[in-house]
Protein backbone atom coordinates (compact mmCIF):
# COMPACT_ATOMS: atom_id res chain seq x y z
CA MET A 1 -107.84 -28.22 -6.46
CA THR A 2 -111.35 -27.49 -7.61
CA SER A 3 -114.33 -29.08 -6.03
CA GLY A 4 -117.05 -30.67 -8.04
CA PRO A 5 -120.69 -29.73 -7.89
CA ALA A 6 -122.43 -30.37 -4.59
CA PRO A 7 -124.39 -33.61 -4.57
CA LYS A 8 -128.06 -33.14 -5.20
CA GLN A 9 -130.45 -33.71 -2.36
CA SER A 10 -132.81 -36.57 -2.85
CA LYS A 11 -136.39 -35.63 -3.56
CA ALA A 12 -137.45 -37.14 -0.23
CA ALA A 13 -134.85 -35.15 1.73
CA ALA A 14 -135.63 -31.91 -0.12
CA SER A 15 -139.32 -32.23 0.58
CA ALA A 16 -139.13 -33.53 4.17
CA ALA A 17 -141.60 -31.55 6.25
CA THR A 18 -140.45 -29.78 9.40
CA VAL A 19 -142.24 -28.65 12.54
CA GLY A 20 -142.24 -25.14 11.08
CA ASP A 21 -143.95 -26.35 7.91
CA VAL A 22 -146.68 -28.06 9.90
CA ALA A 23 -147.13 -25.01 12.13
CA ALA A 24 -147.47 -22.70 9.12
CA LEU A 25 -150.01 -24.91 7.37
CA ALA A 26 -152.08 -25.43 10.53
CA GLY A 27 -151.85 -21.77 11.53
CA VAL A 28 -150.45 -22.52 14.97
CA SER A 29 -147.16 -22.05 16.81
CA ARG A 30 -144.26 -24.46 16.62
CA ALA A 31 -144.82 -25.15 20.33
CA THR A 32 -148.39 -26.29 19.62
CA VAL A 33 -147.11 -28.75 17.01
CA SER A 34 -144.52 -30.03 19.47
CA TYR A 35 -147.11 -30.47 22.23
CA THR A 36 -149.45 -32.27 19.85
CA PHE A 37 -146.86 -35.00 19.36
CA THR A 38 -145.31 -35.03 22.83
CA GLN A 39 -147.97 -33.89 25.34
CA PRO A 40 -151.30 -34.08 23.50
CA ASP A 41 -153.36 -33.41 26.63
CA ARG A 42 -152.00 -29.85 26.64
CA VAL A 43 -153.60 -29.13 23.25
CA SER A 44 -157.30 -28.58 22.66
CA PRO A 45 -159.06 -31.19 20.49
CA GLU A 46 -159.67 -28.58 17.77
CA LEU A 47 -156.02 -27.54 17.54
CA ARG A 48 -154.81 -31.13 17.77
CA GLU A 49 -157.05 -32.05 14.85
CA ARG A 50 -155.70 -29.15 12.76
CA VAL A 51 -152.11 -30.09 13.51
CA LEU A 52 -152.61 -33.76 12.74
CA ALA A 53 -154.40 -32.93 9.48
CA ALA A 54 -151.53 -30.64 8.44
CA ALA A 55 -148.97 -33.29 9.40
CA ASP A 56 -150.81 -35.88 7.33
CA GLU A 57 -150.98 -33.56 4.33
CA LEU A 58 -147.26 -32.81 4.50
CA GLY A 59 -146.19 -36.34 5.38
CA TYR A 60 -144.59 -35.13 8.62
CA VAL A 61 -143.50 -37.80 11.09
CA GLY A 62 -142.42 -36.73 14.58
CA ASN A 63 -139.00 -37.93 15.72
CA ASP A 64 -140.15 -40.22 18.52
CA ALA A 65 -136.66 -41.44 19.34
CA ALA A 66 -135.43 -37.89 19.94
CA ARG A 67 -138.56 -37.03 21.90
CA ARG A 68 -138.03 -40.04 24.17
CA LEU A 69 -134.57 -38.69 25.03
CA ARG A 70 -136.18 -35.40 26.08
CA VAL A 71 -139.21 -36.62 28.08
CA GLY A 72 -138.02 -40.09 29.12
CA HIS A 73 -140.88 -42.15 27.72
CA SER A 74 -142.88 -42.68 24.56
CA LEU A 75 -146.52 -42.15 23.68
CA ALA A 76 -146.93 -45.93 23.61
CA LEU A 77 -148.56 -48.04 26.30
CA GLY A 78 -147.74 -51.74 26.42
CA LEU A 79 -150.41 -54.44 26.56
CA LEU A 80 -149.24 -57.89 27.59
CA VAL A 81 -151.71 -60.77 27.13
CA SER A 82 -151.29 -64.47 27.77
CA ASN A 83 -153.18 -65.89 24.80
CA MET A 84 -154.26 -63.75 21.86
CA SER A 85 -156.20 -66.67 20.37
CA ASN A 86 -158.78 -66.07 23.11
CA PRO A 87 -161.16 -63.40 21.77
CA VAL A 88 -161.45 -61.89 25.25
CA TYR A 89 -157.95 -60.45 24.90
CA ALA A 90 -158.78 -58.99 21.51
CA GLU A 91 -161.72 -57.21 23.15
CA ILE A 92 -159.50 -55.93 25.97
CA ALA A 93 -157.08 -54.65 23.33
CA ALA A 94 -159.88 -52.94 21.41
CA GLY A 95 -161.10 -51.15 24.53
CA ALA A 96 -157.58 -50.10 25.44
CA GLU A 97 -156.83 -48.86 21.92
CA ALA A 98 -159.98 -46.74 21.77
CA ALA A 99 -159.25 -45.09 25.11
CA ALA A 100 -155.59 -44.56 24.24
CA ALA A 101 -156.39 -43.03 20.84
CA ALA A 102 -158.78 -40.56 22.49
CA HIS A 103 -155.79 -39.17 24.40
CA GLY A 104 -153.18 -39.24 21.66
CA ARG A 105 -151.58 -42.50 22.83
CA PHE A 106 -150.86 -45.80 21.15
CA ILE A 107 -151.07 -49.44 22.25
CA LEU A 108 -148.23 -51.90 21.66
CA VAL A 109 -149.66 -55.42 22.02
CA VAL A 110 -147.56 -58.52 22.74
CA ASN A 111 -148.70 -62.12 23.24
CA SER A 112 -146.82 -64.50 25.56
CA ASP A 113 -148.80 -67.50 24.26
CA GLU A 114 -149.03 -68.93 27.81
CA SER A 115 -145.23 -68.85 28.16
CA SER A 116 -143.80 -67.32 31.35
CA ALA A 117 -140.38 -67.02 29.70
CA ARG A 118 -141.78 -65.04 26.76
CA GLU A 119 -143.75 -62.93 29.20
CA ARG A 120 -140.58 -61.92 31.05
CA ALA A 121 -138.83 -61.18 27.76
CA TYR A 122 -141.66 -58.92 26.66
CA VAL A 123 -141.52 -56.96 29.92
CA LYS A 124 -137.83 -56.27 29.20
CA PHE A 125 -138.76 -55.31 25.64
CA PHE A 126 -141.31 -52.81 26.93
CA GLU A 127 -138.64 -51.28 29.15
CA SER A 128 -136.26 -50.96 26.19
CA GLN A 129 -139.00 -49.11 24.30
CA GLN A 130 -139.60 -46.79 27.26
CA VAL A 131 -143.36 -47.26 27.19
CA SER A 132 -145.33 -44.90 29.43
CA GLY A 133 -147.11 -47.75 31.21
CA ILE A 134 -148.16 -51.38 30.88
CA ILE A 135 -151.48 -53.20 30.95
CA ALA A 136 -150.82 -56.79 31.98
CA ALA A 137 -152.98 -59.90 31.70
CA PRO A 138 -150.26 -62.41 32.62
CA VAL A 139 -150.15 -66.21 32.50
CA GLY A 140 -150.19 -66.56 36.29
CA ASP A 141 -148.88 -64.32 39.05
CA VAL A 142 -147.46 -60.90 38.25
CA PRO A 143 -143.89 -61.41 36.93
CA ALA A 144 -141.09 -60.15 39.18
CA GLU A 145 -139.72 -58.24 36.17
CA LEU A 146 -142.94 -56.23 35.99
CA LEU A 147 -142.75 -55.36 39.69
CA GLY A 148 -139.13 -54.31 39.19
CA LEU A 149 -140.06 -52.12 36.23
CA ARG A 150 -142.69 -50.42 38.37
CA GLU A 151 -140.06 -49.67 41.03
CA ARG A 152 -138.00 -47.99 38.30
CA GLY A 153 -140.86 -45.67 37.44
CA THR A 154 -143.00 -47.39 34.80
CA PRO A 155 -146.51 -48.03 36.15
CA PHE A 156 -148.65 -51.02 35.28
CA VAL A 157 -152.25 -52.11 35.75
CA LEU A 158 -153.15 -55.76 36.26
CA VAL A 159 -156.20 -56.92 34.34
CA GLY A 160 -157.16 -59.84 36.51
CA VAL A 161 -157.24 -60.91 40.13
CA ALA A 162 -154.27 -59.80 42.25
CA PRO A 163 -152.88 -62.56 44.48
CA GLY A 164 -152.78 -61.43 48.10
CA PRO A 165 -151.85 -57.93 49.32
CA HIS A 166 -150.60 -55.64 46.55
CA SER A 167 -149.75 -51.99 45.98
CA TYR A 168 -150.44 -51.85 42.23
CA PRO A 169 -153.87 -51.24 40.63
CA ALA A 170 -155.82 -54.34 39.58
CA ILE A 171 -159.15 -54.44 37.75
CA SER A 172 -161.43 -57.31 36.82
CA GLY A 173 -165.01 -58.35 36.37
CA ASP A 174 -166.81 -59.63 39.47
CA ASN A 175 -166.05 -63.26 38.68
CA GLU A 176 -167.61 -64.70 41.82
CA GLN A 177 -170.89 -62.96 41.08
CA GLY A 178 -170.71 -64.13 37.46
CA GLY A 179 -170.38 -67.76 38.54
CA TYR A 180 -173.28 -67.28 40.94
CA LEU A 181 -175.48 -65.88 38.15
CA ALA A 182 -174.63 -68.80 35.84
CA ALA A 183 -175.41 -71.54 38.36
CA SER A 184 -178.49 -69.77 39.75
CA HIS A 185 -179.86 -69.60 36.22
CA LEU A 186 -179.45 -73.36 35.72
CA LEU A 187 -180.95 -74.14 39.13
CA ALA A 188 -183.93 -71.90 38.37
CA GLN A 189 -184.51 -73.99 35.24
CA GLY A 190 -184.77 -77.13 37.37
CA ARG A 191 -181.27 -78.44 36.69
CA ARG A 192 -179.96 -80.37 39.69
CA ARG A 193 -176.86 -82.34 38.58
CA LEU A 194 -174.40 -79.58 37.78
CA VAL A 195 -170.84 -79.72 36.50
CA PHE A 196 -168.32 -76.89 36.58
CA ALA A 197 -165.47 -77.26 34.08
CA GLY A 198 -162.60 -74.78 34.22
CA GLY A 199 -158.88 -74.15 34.26
CA PRO A 200 -156.37 -73.30 37.00
CA HIS A 201 -156.66 -69.51 37.00
CA PRO A 202 -157.51 -67.16 39.89
CA HIS A 203 -160.46 -65.62 38.07
CA VAL A 204 -161.82 -69.08 37.21
CA ASP A 205 -161.48 -70.09 40.87
CA LEU A 206 -163.70 -67.15 41.75
CA ARG A 207 -166.25 -68.21 39.14
CA LEU A 208 -166.26 -71.65 40.71
CA ALA A 209 -166.77 -70.10 44.16
CA GLY A 210 -169.86 -68.33 42.83
CA VAL A 211 -171.22 -71.57 41.41
CA GLN A 212 -170.63 -73.30 44.76
CA ARG A 213 -172.45 -70.52 46.59
CA ALA A 214 -175.46 -70.81 44.31
CA VAL A 215 -175.63 -74.59 44.82
CA ALA A 216 -175.28 -74.20 48.58
CA GLU A 217 -178.13 -71.69 48.64
CA SER A 218 -180.42 -73.75 46.40
CA PRO A 219 -183.75 -74.46 48.14
CA ALA A 220 -183.96 -77.77 46.26
CA PRO A 221 -181.24 -80.44 46.62
CA ALA A 222 -178.55 -80.11 43.94
CA SER A 223 -175.12 -81.60 43.37
CA LEU A 224 -171.98 -80.09 41.89
CA GLU A 225 -169.06 -81.89 40.24
CA ILE A 226 -165.85 -80.04 39.45
CA ILE A 227 -163.81 -80.94 36.35
CA ARG A 228 -160.41 -79.26 36.19
CA VAL A 229 -158.69 -78.74 32.84
CA GLN A 230 -155.22 -77.39 32.07
CA MET A 231 -156.34 -75.09 29.25
CA GLN A 232 -159.71 -73.52 28.46
CA THR A 233 -159.89 -74.08 24.70
CA ALA A 234 -162.56 -75.46 22.40
CA LYS A 235 -160.45 -78.54 21.76
CA VAL A 236 -160.24 -79.27 25.48
CA GLY A 237 -163.99 -78.71 25.83
CA GLU A 238 -164.66 -81.28 23.14
CA ALA A 239 -162.43 -83.75 24.97
CA VAL A 240 -164.37 -83.19 28.21
CA ALA A 241 -167.60 -83.83 26.32
CA ARG A 242 -166.28 -87.16 25.05
CA THR A 243 -165.42 -88.15 28.62
CA LEU A 244 -168.91 -87.27 29.84
CA LEU A 245 -170.52 -89.22 27.01
CA ARG A 246 -168.94 -92.44 28.29
CA ARG A 247 -170.90 -92.18 31.53
CA PRO A 248 -174.15 -94.00 32.31
CA ALA A 249 -177.30 -91.89 32.25
CA SER A 250 -177.54 -92.01 36.04
CA SER A 251 -174.32 -90.01 36.46
CA PHE A 252 -174.69 -87.74 33.43
CA PRO A 253 -175.10 -84.03 34.32
CA ASP A 254 -178.13 -81.99 33.33
CA GLY A 255 -176.38 -78.62 33.59
CA ILE A 256 -172.83 -77.38 32.91
CA VAL A 257 -171.10 -74.09 33.71
CA ALA A 258 -167.89 -73.65 31.73
CA GLY A 259 -164.95 -71.48 32.81
CA ASN A 260 -165.06 -69.56 29.54
CA ASP A 261 -166.90 -69.50 26.21
CA LEU A 262 -164.21 -71.31 24.22
CA LEU A 263 -164.43 -74.27 26.58
CA ALA A 264 -168.23 -74.12 26.44
CA LEU A 265 -168.29 -74.06 22.62
CA GLY A 266 -166.07 -77.15 22.51
CA LEU A 267 -168.37 -78.87 25.02
CA LEU A 268 -171.41 -77.90 22.96
CA HIS A 269 -169.94 -79.33 19.76
CA GLY A 270 -168.85 -82.57 21.42
CA LEU A 271 -172.17 -83.11 23.15
CA ILE A 272 -174.24 -82.51 20.01
CA VAL A 273 -172.01 -84.81 17.93
CA GLY A 274 -172.49 -87.43 20.66
CA GLY A 275 -176.26 -87.26 20.37
CA ILE A 276 -177.08 -85.01 23.33
CA GLN A 277 -179.87 -82.51 22.74
CA VAL A 278 -179.05 -79.06 24.11
CA PRO A 279 -181.03 -77.80 25.99
CA ALA A 280 -183.55 -80.66 26.07
CA ASP A 281 -181.14 -83.09 27.75
CA LEU A 282 -178.64 -80.65 29.22
CA SER A 283 -178.30 -76.87 29.68
CA LEU A 284 -174.98 -75.11 29.17
CA VAL A 285 -173.65 -71.72 30.25
CA GLY A 286 -170.33 -70.21 29.18
CA TYR A 287 -168.43 -67.17 30.38
CA ASP A 288 -167.18 -63.98 28.62
CA ASP A 289 -169.81 -63.48 25.86
CA ILE A 290 -167.31 -63.53 23.02
CA GLU A 291 -168.69 -62.75 19.56
CA PHE A 292 -168.77 -66.42 18.53
CA ALA A 293 -171.15 -67.27 21.39
CA ASP A 294 -174.13 -65.84 19.53
CA PHE A 295 -173.23 -67.65 16.29
CA ALA A 296 -172.89 -71.19 17.62
CA ILE A 297 -175.09 -73.90 16.10
CA VAL A 298 -177.10 -73.51 19.31
CA PRO A 299 -176.52 -69.93 20.49
CA LEU A 300 -174.67 -70.03 23.81
CA THR A 301 -176.02 -68.68 27.08
CA THR A 302 -173.13 -66.93 28.79
CA ILE A 303 -171.99 -64.39 31.35
CA ARG A 304 -171.03 -61.12 29.72
CA HIS A 305 -167.56 -60.16 30.93
CA PRO A 306 -166.77 -56.42 30.49
CA SER A 307 -163.57 -57.05 28.51
CA ALA A 308 -163.47 -53.85 26.42
CA THR A 309 -164.43 -51.82 29.49
CA LEU A 310 -161.49 -53.31 31.40
CA GLY A 311 -159.07 -52.34 28.63
CA ALA A 312 -160.34 -48.76 28.57
CA SER A 313 -160.31 -48.53 32.36
CA ALA A 314 -156.69 -49.70 32.51
CA VAL A 315 -155.65 -46.95 30.08
CA ARG A 316 -157.47 -44.28 32.12
CA ILE A 317 -155.73 -45.45 35.29
CA LEU A 318 -152.30 -45.31 33.61
CA LEU A 319 -152.99 -41.80 32.31
CA GLY A 320 -154.20 -40.62 35.72
CA ILE A 321 -157.74 -39.79 34.53
CA GLU A 322 -159.55 -42.70 36.17
CA SER A 323 -163.21 -42.46 37.14
CA GLU A 324 -164.76 -43.52 40.44
CA GLN A 325 -165.81 -46.80 38.82
CA ASP A 326 -162.24 -47.42 37.64
CA THR A 327 -160.89 -47.02 41.16
CA LYS A 328 -163.32 -49.63 42.51
CA GLY A 329 -161.46 -52.18 40.39
CA ARG A 330 -164.42 -54.50 39.85
CA PHE A 331 -167.07 -54.44 37.11
CA GLU A 332 -170.43 -56.19 37.25
CA PRO A 333 -171.13 -59.19 34.98
CA GLU A 334 -174.41 -59.80 33.15
CA LEU A 335 -176.29 -63.00 32.35
CA VAL A 336 -177.07 -63.29 28.62
CA VAL A 337 -179.68 -66.00 28.03
CA ARG A 338 -179.62 -67.78 24.68
CA ALA A 339 -180.74 -71.15 23.32
CA THR A 340 -178.40 -73.47 25.26
CA SER A 341 -180.43 -72.90 28.42
CA LEU A 342 -183.94 -72.11 27.29
CA PRO A 343 -186.66 -73.60 29.50
CA VAL A 344 -187.67 -77.09 28.42
CA SER A 345 -191.43 -77.67 28.26
């Protein structure tokens, strides 16, 4: 029985680049190519750049699945956020991605959309993908699944306030100091009937504590009303504004600190539509300094939250190259004064 001609290799298979091809083009050893894709910190920036350029030219793609079997984890880091519609989380992701890219790593972002069930599912997904570590900004407390994953060898960093004693790293802005700066600014402008509007989150509770401290320390008498909301969105802020507008002038506030910028922007829109002049009748301060704050119809005074810095810091901690500032776990906020709280003549 005679055999027919051997089947022809496809063009893609015939031209598939190998580690040896990349090494030859880059003028390095096969080991250097392997380290570039598996342990990039072992390769100098110059050599890594040459290898990556050669790989791009040849269309070489490292076999990540096979590499995971050898080293037990991937080059990916997981980032779990609770609400990607909040620009703060996009800024955290941007900071994390920049730091990860500088060390040959990648960020896999998932959004639980305020769902604890989805959050737990994503933690299991990260484990199935054998990510090297996880950056978590969860809905509430740290999920038990994340603590279990840490016990099995995958580290995580909490971006937020850790509840009670904990053995895992947690980083955040100094929320209490941020709230203090916001309220002190309004009090310095002569505002005396303050409102704090915010949601049920540990970091927002700390912002409220800072506002309360500022009011307590005020040399002139001042009052503080607390309005709790379930979600800190622009839509909710607008609804709070409508509620305030139904009040008589005698109980209407002259200064508001919002738990975040989205809530503040909704408040601003609702108040202006209702005929309130900002800042002539009322001053408003948000929190986070998202990009939209500076482009509001009346640019929003806010507390600048170091979101991108937190993302980058979390990556450094996971990679074991943290700085002294990273290990402190708390980053200073900054008051950014814009038109919603300019002094009224």
